[in-house]
PDB file of N, CA and C in Angstrom:
ATOM      1  N   MET A   1    -100.407  49.501 -12.539  1.00  0.00           N
ATOM      2  CA  MET A   1    -101.924  48.923 -13.074  1.00  0.00           C
ATOM      3  C   MET A   1    -102.156  49.429 -11.665  1.00  0.00           C
ATOM      4  N   THR A   2    -103.334  49.932 -11.459  1.00  0.00           N
ATOM      5  CA  THR A   2    -103.823  50.644 -10.188  1.00  0.00           C
ATOM      6  C   THR A   2    -105.167  49.272  -9.657  1.00  0.00           C
ATOM      7  N   ALA A   3    -105.395  49.209  -8.343  1.00  0.00           N
ATOM      8  CA  ALA A   3    -106.578  48.320  -8.101  1.00  0.00           C
ATOM      9  C   ALA A   3    -107.806  48.309  -8.614  1.00  0.00           C
ATOM     10  N   ALA A   4    -107.799  49.510  -8.627  1.00  0.00           N
ATOM     11  CA  ALA A   4    -109.191  50.183  -9.414  1.00  0.00           C
ATOM     12  C   ALA A   4    -109.209  49.619 -11.132  1.00  0.00           C
ATOM     13  N   ALA A   5    -108.424  49.561 -11.398  1.00  0.00           N
ATOM     14  CA  ALA A   5    -108.144  49.519 -13.069  1.00  0.00           C
ATOM     15  C   ALA A   5    -108.645  47.878 -13.155  1.00  0.00           C
ATOM     16  N   CYS A   6    -108.721  47.009 -12.563  1.00  0.00           N
ATOM     17  CA  CYS A   6    -108.541  45.632 -12.828  1.00  0.00           C
ATOM     18  C   CYS A   6    -110.110  45.305 -12.189  1.00  0.00           C
ATOM     19  N   SER A   7    -110.839  44.766 -13.000  1.00  0.00           N
ATOM     20  CA  SER A   7    -112.123  44.239 -12.660  1.00  0.00           C
ATOM     21  C   SER A   7    -112.030  43.023 -11.657  1.00  0.00           C
ATOM     22  N   PRO A   8    -112.871  42.743 -10.396  1.00  0.00           N
ATOM     23  CA  PRO A   8    -112.212  41.385 -10.013  1.00  0.00           C
ATOM     24  C   PRO A   8    -113.004  40.060 -10.365  1.00  0.00           C
ATOM     25  N   THR A   9    -114.295  40.880 -11.360  1.00  0.00           N
ATOM     26  CA  THR A   9    -114.845  39.700 -12.042  1.00  0.00           C
ATOM     27  C   THR A   9    -114.423  39.077 -13.168  1.00  0.00           C
ATOM     28  N   LYS A  10    -113.450  39.766 -13.714  1.00  0.00           N
ATOM     29  CA  LYS A  10    -112.903  39.700 -15.309  1.00  0.00           C
ATOM     30  C   LYS A  10    -111.409  39.201 -15.027  1.00  0.00           C
ATOM     31  N   ALA A  11    -110.994  38.449 -15.837  1.00  0.00           N
ATOM     32  CA  ALA A  11    -109.516  38.331 -16.272  1.00  0.00           C
ATOM     33  C   ALA A  11    -108.499  39.175 -16.883  1.00  0.00           C
ATOM     34  N   SER A  12    -109.422  39.851 -17.544  1.00  0.00           N
ATOM     35  CA  SER A  12    -107.926  41.038 -18.082  1.00  0.00           C
ATOM     36  C   SER A  12    -108.411  42.121 -17.545  1.00  0.00           C
ATOM     37  N   PRO A  13    -107.124  43.416 -17.794  1.00  0.00           N
ATOM     38  CA  PRO A  13    -107.791  44.891 -16.967  1.00  0.00           C
ATOM     39  C   PRO A  13    -108.331  45.344 -17.951  1.00  0.00           C
ATOM     40  N   ARG A  14    -109.043  46.429 -17.183  1.00  0.00           N
ATOM     41  CA  ARG A  14    -109.867  47.625 -18.418  1.00  0.00           C
ATOM     42  C   ARG A  14    -109.072  48.678 -18.545  1.00  0.00           C
ATOM     43  N   PHE A  15    -108.010  48.831 -17.736  1.00  0.00           N
ATOM     44  CA  PHE A  15    -107.000  49.973 -18.142  1.00  0.00           C
ATOM     45  C   PHE A  15    -105.922  49.771 -17.593  1.00  0.00           C
ATOM     46  N   MET A  16    -104.915  49.827 -18.380  1.00  0.00           N
ATOM     47  CA  MET A  16    -103.717  49.838 -17.590  1.00  0.00           C
ATOM     48  C   MET A  16    -102.802  51.457 -18.008  1.00  0.00           C
ATOM     49  N   ASP A  17    -102.275  51.972 -17.171  1.00  0.00           N
ATOM     50  CA  ASP A  17    -101.865  53.177 -17.127  1.00  0.00           C
ATOM     51  C   ASP A  17     -99.977  52.874 -17.010  1.00  0.00           C
ATOM     52  N   VAL A  18     -99.406  53.611 -17.902  1.00  0.00           N
ATOM     53  CA  VAL A  18     -97.783  53.407 -18.266  1.00  0.00           C
ATOM     54  C   VAL A  18     -97.335  54.620 -18.399  1.00  0.00           C
ATOM     55  N   ASN A  19     -96.066  54.963 -17.724  1.00  0.00           N
ATOM     56  CA  ASN A  19     -95.445  56.070 -17.706  1.00  0.00           C
ATOM     57  C   ASN A  19     -94.395  55.921 -18.210  1.00  0.00           C
ATOM     58  N   ALA A  20     -94.172  56.258 -19.374  1.00  0.00           N
ATOM     59  CA  ALA A  20     -92.952  55.968 -20.265  1.00  0.00           C
ATOM     60  C   ALA A  20     -91.749  56.838 -20.007  1.00  0.00           C
ATOM     61  N   THR A  21     -91.978  57.895 -19.156  1.00  0.00           N
ATOM     62  CA  THR A  21     -90.942  58.935 -18.810  1.00  0.00           C
ATOM     63  C   THR A  21     -91.276  59.418 -17.348  1.00  0.00           C
ATOM     64  N   GLU A  22     -90.080  60.206 -17.012  1.00  0.00           N
ATOM     65  CA  GLU A  22     -90.560  61.093 -15.657  1.00  0.00           C
ATOM     66  C   GLU A  22     -89.461  61.720 -15.311  1.00  0.00           C
ATOM     67  N   LYS A  23     -89.947  63.137 -14.743  1.00  0.00           N
ATOM     68  CA  LYS A  23     -88.636  63.560 -13.793  1.00  0.00           C
ATOM     69  C   LYS A  23     -88.142  63.004 -13.262  1.00  0.00           C
ATOM     70  N   LEU A  24     -86.823  63.227 -12.697  1.00  0.00           N
ATOM     71  CA  LEU A  24     -85.816  62.544 -12.193  1.00  0.00           C
ATOM     72  C   LEU A  24     -85.359  63.187 -10.756  1.00  0.00           C
ATOM     73  N   TYR A  25     -84.914  63.243  -9.602  1.00  0.00           N
ATOM     74  CA  TYR A  25     -83.922  63.996  -8.888  1.00  0.00           C
ATOM     75  C   TYR A  25     -82.730  63.740  -8.795  1.00  0.00           C
ATOM     76  N   GLY A  26     -81.996  64.606  -8.037  1.00  0.00           N
ATOM     77  CA  GLY A  26     -80.613  64.327  -8.074  1.00  0.00           C
ATOM     78  C   GLY A  26     -80.163  64.686  -6.382  1.00  0.00           C
ATOM     79  N   ASP A  27     -79.563  63.553  -5.825  1.00  0.00           N
ATOM     80  CA  ASP A  27     -79.090  64.088  -3.961  1.00  0.00           C
ATOM     81  C   ASP A  27     -77.389  64.368  -4.091  1.00  0.00           C
ATOM     82  N   PHE A  28     -77.055  65.505  -3.501  1.00  0.00           N
ATOM     83  CA  PHE A  28     -75.648  66.036  -3.478  1.00  0.00           C
ATOM     84  C   PHE A  28     -75.508  65.738  -2.262  1.00  0.00           C
ATOM     85  N   VAL A  29     -73.999  65.177  -1.670  1.00  0.00           N
ATOM     86  CA  VAL A  29     -73.427  65.285  -0.839  1.00  0.00           C
ATOM     87  C   VAL A  29     -72.016  66.104  -0.869  1.00  0.00           C
ATOM     88  N   LEU A  30     -71.879  66.936  -0.259  1.00  0.00           N
ATOM     89  CA  LEU A  30     -71.084  67.946  -0.176  1.00  0.00           C
ATOM     90  C   LEU A  30     -70.334  68.021   1.431  1.00  0.00           C
ATOM     91  N   THR A  31     -68.568  67.513   1.146  1.00  0.00           N
ATOM     92  CA  THR A  31     -67.609  67.941   2.246  1.00  0.00           C
ATOM     93  C   THR A  31     -67.001  68.629   2.385  1.00  0.00           C
ATOM     94  N   ALA A  32     -66.673  69.575   3.236  1.00  0.00           N
ATOM     95  CA  ALA A  32     -65.394  70.213   2.568  1.00  0.00           C
ATOM     96  C   ALA A  32     -64.601  70.250   4.293  1.00  0.00           C
ATOM     97  N   THR A  33     -63.167  70.136   4.295  1.00  0.00           N
ATOM     98  CA  THR A  33     -62.378  70.268   5.477  1.00  0.00           C
ATOM     99  C   THR A  33     -61.662  71.450   5.334  1.00  0.00           C
ATOM    100  N   ASN A  34     -60.689  71.689   6.213  1.00  0.00           N
ATOM    101  CA  ASN A  34     -59.524  72.331   6.499  1.00  0.00           C
ATOM    102  C   ASN A  34     -58.870  72.622   7.385  1.00  0.00           C
ATOM    103  N   PRO A  35     -57.741  72.792   8.087  1.00  0.00           N
ATOM    104  CA  PRO A  35     -56.909  72.660   9.328  1.00  0.00           C
ATOM    105  C   PRO A  35     -57.928  73.484  10.668  1.00  0.00           C
ATOM    106  N   GLY A  36     -58.808  74.220  10.084  1.00  0.00           N
ATOM    107  CA  GLY A  36     -59.543  74.892  11.271  1.00  0.00           C
ATOM    108  C   GLY A  36     -58.927  75.866  11.945  1.00  0.00           C
ATOM    109  N   GLY A  37     -59.462  76.468  13.167  1.00  0.00           N
ATOM    110  CA  GLY A  37     -58.537  77.499  14.115  1.00  0.00           C
ATOM    111  C   GLY A  37     -59.464  77.394  15.295  1.00  0.00           C
ATOM    112  N   HIS A  38     -59.216  78.914  15.908  1.00  0.00           N
ATOM    113  CA  HIS A  38     -60.214  79.304  16.830  1.00  0.00           C
ATOM    114  C   HIS A  38     -61.017  80.240  16.511  1.00  0.00           C
ATOM    115  N   SER A  39     -62.197  80.898  16.941  1.00  0.00           N
ATOM    116  CA  SER A  39     -63.083  81.715  16.434  1.00  0.00           C
ATOM    117  C   SER A  39     -62.182  83.050  16.592  1.00  0.00           C
ATOM    118  N   SER A  40     -61.428  83.100  17.681  1.00  0.00           N
ATOM    119  CA  SER A  40     -60.787  84.530  17.914  1.00  0.00           C
ATOM    120  C   SER A  40     -59.752  84.677  16.565  1.00  0.00           C
ATOM    121  N   LEU A  41     -59.015  83.941  16.009  1.00  0.00           N
ATOM    122  CA  LEU A  41     -58.585  83.993  14.964  1.00  0.00           C
ATOM    123  C   LEU A  41     -59.244  83.209  13.493  1.00  0.00           C
ATOM    124  N   PRO A  42     -60.206  83.882  12.942  1.00  0.00           N
ATOM    125  CA  PRO A  42     -60.877  82.809  12.161  1.00  0.00           C
ATOM    126  C   PRO A  42     -60.153  82.861  10.723  1.00  0.00           C
ATOM    127  N   ARG A  43     -60.208  81.805   9.911  1.00  0.00           N
ATOM    128  CA  ARG A  43     -59.567  81.521   8.983  1.00  0.00           C
ATOM    129  C   ARG A  43     -60.095  82.205   7.810  1.00  0.00           C
ATOM    130  N   PRO A  44     -59.511  83.220   6.591  1.00  0.00           N
ATOM    131  CA  PRO A  44     -60.533  83.893   5.593  1.00  0.00           C
ATOM    132  C   PRO A  44     -61.145  82.629   4.761  1.00  0.00           C
ATOM    133  N   GLU A  45     -60.194  81.688   4.306  1.00  0.00           N
ATOM    134  CA  GLU A  45     -60.960  80.206   3.720  1.00  0.00           C
ATOM    135  C   GLU A  45     -61.280  79.593   4.527  1.00  0.00           C
ATOM    136  N   ASN A  46     -62.679  79.159   4.830  1.00  0.00           N
ATOM    137  CA  ASN A  46     -62.916  78.116   5.868  1.00  0.00           C
ATOM    138  C   ASN A  46     -64.278  77.206   5.255  1.00  0.00           C
ATOM    139  N   ALA A  47     -64.149  75.760   5.991  1.00  0.00           N
ATOM    140  CA  ALA A  47     -65.100  75.045   5.626  1.00  0.00           C
ATOM    141  C   ALA A  47     -66.497  75.413   4.855  1.00  0.00           C
ATOM    142  N   ILE A  48     -66.637  76.485   6.128  1.00  0.00           N
ATOM    143  CA  ILE A  48     -68.525  76.903   5.817  1.00  0.00           C
ATOM    144  C   ILE A  48     -68.511  77.855   4.226  1.00  0.00           C
ATOM    145  N   LEU A  49     -67.615  78.448   4.345  1.00  0.00           N
ATOM    146  CA  LEU A  49     -67.858  79.165   3.297  1.00  0.00           C
ATOM    147  C   LEU A  49     -67.652  78.761   1.927  1.00  0.00           C
ATOM    148  N   ARG A  50     -66.505  77.052   1.697  1.00  0.00           N
ATOM    149  CA  ARG A  50     -66.176  76.353   0.647  1.00  0.00           C
ATOM    150  C   ARG A  50     -67.712  75.677   0.765  1.00  0.00           C
ATOM    151  N   ILE A  51     -68.477  75.470   1.503  1.00  0.00           N
ATOM    152  CA  ILE A  51     -69.898  74.399   1.414  1.00  0.00           C
ATOM    153  C   ILE A  51     -70.673  75.144   0.614  1.00  0.00           C
ATOM    154  N   SER A  52     -71.117  77.009   0.961  1.00  0.00           N
ATOM    155  CA  SER A  52     -71.917  77.650   0.476  1.00  0.00           C
ATOM    156  C   SER A  52     -71.554  77.831  -0.835  1.00  0.00           C
ATOM    157  N   ARG A  53     -70.456  78.074  -0.862  1.00  0.00           N
ATOM    158  CA  ARG A  53     -69.970  78.426  -2.518  1.00  0.00           C
ATOM    159  C   ARG A  53     -70.273  77.163  -3.486  1.00  0.00           C
ATOM    160  N   SER A  54     -69.947  75.931  -2.993  1.00  0.00           N
ATOM    161  CA  SER A  54     -70.173  74.542  -3.795  1.00  0.00           C
ATOM    162  C   SER A  54     -71.625  74.919  -4.074  1.00  0.00           C
ATOM    163  N   ALA A  55     -72.713  74.702  -3.019  1.00  0.00           N
ATOM    164  CA  ALA A  55     -74.163  74.907  -2.844  1.00  0.00           C
ATOM    165  C   ALA A  55     -74.605  76.107  -3.894  1.00  0.00           C
ATOM    166  N   THR A  56     -74.106  77.476  -3.723  1.00  0.00           N
ATOM    167  CA  THR A  56     -74.706  77.975  -4.868  1.00  0.00           C
ATOM    168  C   THR A  56     -74.305  77.446  -6.496  1.00  0.00           C
ATOM    169  N   LYS A  57     -72.919  77.068  -6.710  1.00  0.00           N
ATOM    170  CA  LYS A  57     -72.666  76.818  -7.999  1.00  0.00           C
ATOM    171  C   LYS A  57     -73.486  75.775  -8.385  1.00  0.00           C
ATOM    172  N   ILE A  58     -74.042  74.853  -7.358  1.00  0.00           N
ATOM    173  CA  ILE A  58     -74.652  73.748  -8.183  1.00  0.00           C
ATOM    174  C   ILE A  58     -76.598  74.024  -8.244  1.00  0.00           C
ATOM    175  N   ALA A  59     -76.815  75.280  -7.468  1.00  0.00           N
ATOM    176  CA  ALA A  59     -78.023  75.783  -7.449  1.00  0.00           C
ATOM    177  C   ALA A  59     -77.880  76.735  -9.097  1.00  0.00           C
ATOM    178  N   GLN A  60     -77.147  77.135  -9.335  1.00  0.00           N
ATOM    179  CA  GLN A  60     -76.992  77.848 -10.428  1.00  0.00           C
ATOM    180  C   GLN A  60     -76.636  77.404 -11.903  1.00  0.00           C
ATOM    181  N   TYR A  61     -76.227  75.902 -11.771  1.00  0.00           N
ATOM    182  CA  TYR A  61     -75.881  75.050 -12.712  1.00  0.00           C
ATOM    183  C   TYR A  61     -77.369  74.619 -13.784  1.00  0.00           C
ATOM    184  N   GLN A  62     -77.291  74.869 -14.919  1.00  0.00           N
ATOM    185  CA  GLN A  62     -78.322  74.814 -15.664  1.00  0.00           C
ATOM    186  C   GLN A  62     -78.015  73.305 -15.918  1.00  0.00           C
ATOM    187  N   PHE A  63     -78.633  72.282 -15.997  1.00  0.00           N
ATOM    188  CA  PHE A  63     -78.224  70.792 -16.255  1.00  0.00           C
ATOM    189  C   PHE A  63     -78.891  70.633 -17.808  1.00  0.00           C
ATOM    190  N   PRO A  64     -78.382  70.025 -18.809  1.00  0.00           N
ATOM    191  CA  PRO A  64     -78.643  69.760 -19.810  1.00  0.00           C
ATOM    192  C   PRO A  64     -79.854  69.235 -20.420  1.00  0.00           C
ATOM    193  N   PHE A  65     -80.447  69.506 -21.230  1.00  0.00           N
ATOM    194  CA  PHE A  65     -82.055  69.316 -21.623  1.00  0.00           C
ATOM    195  C   PHE A  65     -81.744  67.706 -21.859  1.00  0.00           C
ATOM    196  N   GLU A  66     -82.396  66.634 -21.607  1.00  0.00           N
ATOM    197  CA  GLU A  66     -82.260  65.633 -22.723  1.00  0.00           C
ATOM    198  C   GLU A  66     -83.448  64.945 -22.947  1.00  0.00           C
ATOM    199  N   LEU A  67     -83.582  64.438 -24.353  1.00  0.00           N
ATOM    200  CA  LEU A  67     -84.681  63.827 -24.923  1.00  0.00           C
ATOM    201  C   LEU A  67     -84.302  62.125 -24.810  1.00  0.00           C
ATOM    202  N   ASN A  68     -85.320  61.530 -24.696  1.00  0.00           N
ATOM    203  CA  ASN A  68     -85.287  60.101 -25.228  1.00  0.00           C
ATOM    204  C   ASN A  68     -86.184  59.845 -25.981  1.00  0.00           C
ATOM    205  N   ASN A  69     -86.368  58.485 -26.258  1.00  0.00           N
ATOM    206  CA  ASN A  69     -87.108  58.048 -27.328  1.00  0.00           C
ATOM    207  C   ASN A  69     -88.467  58.391 -27.337  1.00  0.00           C
ATOM    208  N   ILE A  70     -88.947  58.388 -26.124  1.00  0.00           N
ATOM    209  CA  ILE A  70     -90.367  58.339 -25.789  1.00  0.00           C
ATOM    210  C   ILE A  70     -90.864  60.130 -26.163  1.00  0.00           C
ATOM    211  N   THR A  71     -89.746  60.739 -25.552  1.00  0.00           N
ATOM    212  CA  THR A  71     -90.234  62.322 -25.805  1.00  0.00           C
ATOM    213  C   THR A  71     -90.112  62.939 -26.825  1.00  0.00           C
ATOM    214  N   ARG A  72     -88.885  62.113 -27.443  1.00  0.00           N
ATOM    215  CA  ARG A  72     -88.273  62.744 -29.282  1.00  0.00           C
ATOM    216  C   ARG A  72     -89.738  62.659 -29.829  1.00  0.00           C
ATOM    217  N   ALA A  73     -90.477  61.345 -29.557  1.00  0.00           N
ATOM    218  CA  ALA A  73     -91.584  61.164 -30.243  1.00  0.00           C
ATOM    219  C   ALA A  73     -92.794  61.924 -30.587  1.00  0.00           C
TER     220      ALA A  73
END
């Protein structure tokens, strides 16, 4: 309930807004390790490449559409 929704002179609110559902977000933490090496002899499979491939997979993933009781109604 917002401050403007309740009158300071009356005991009960005139308006109450309720959000029954809303979009959520997700955080991802990616960590990649490997033996490393020297820049004069870079490894073909390195941590930066592995992180970028993982980020691409997350970006391309189609998360499943889900309904709850409110959105189903």
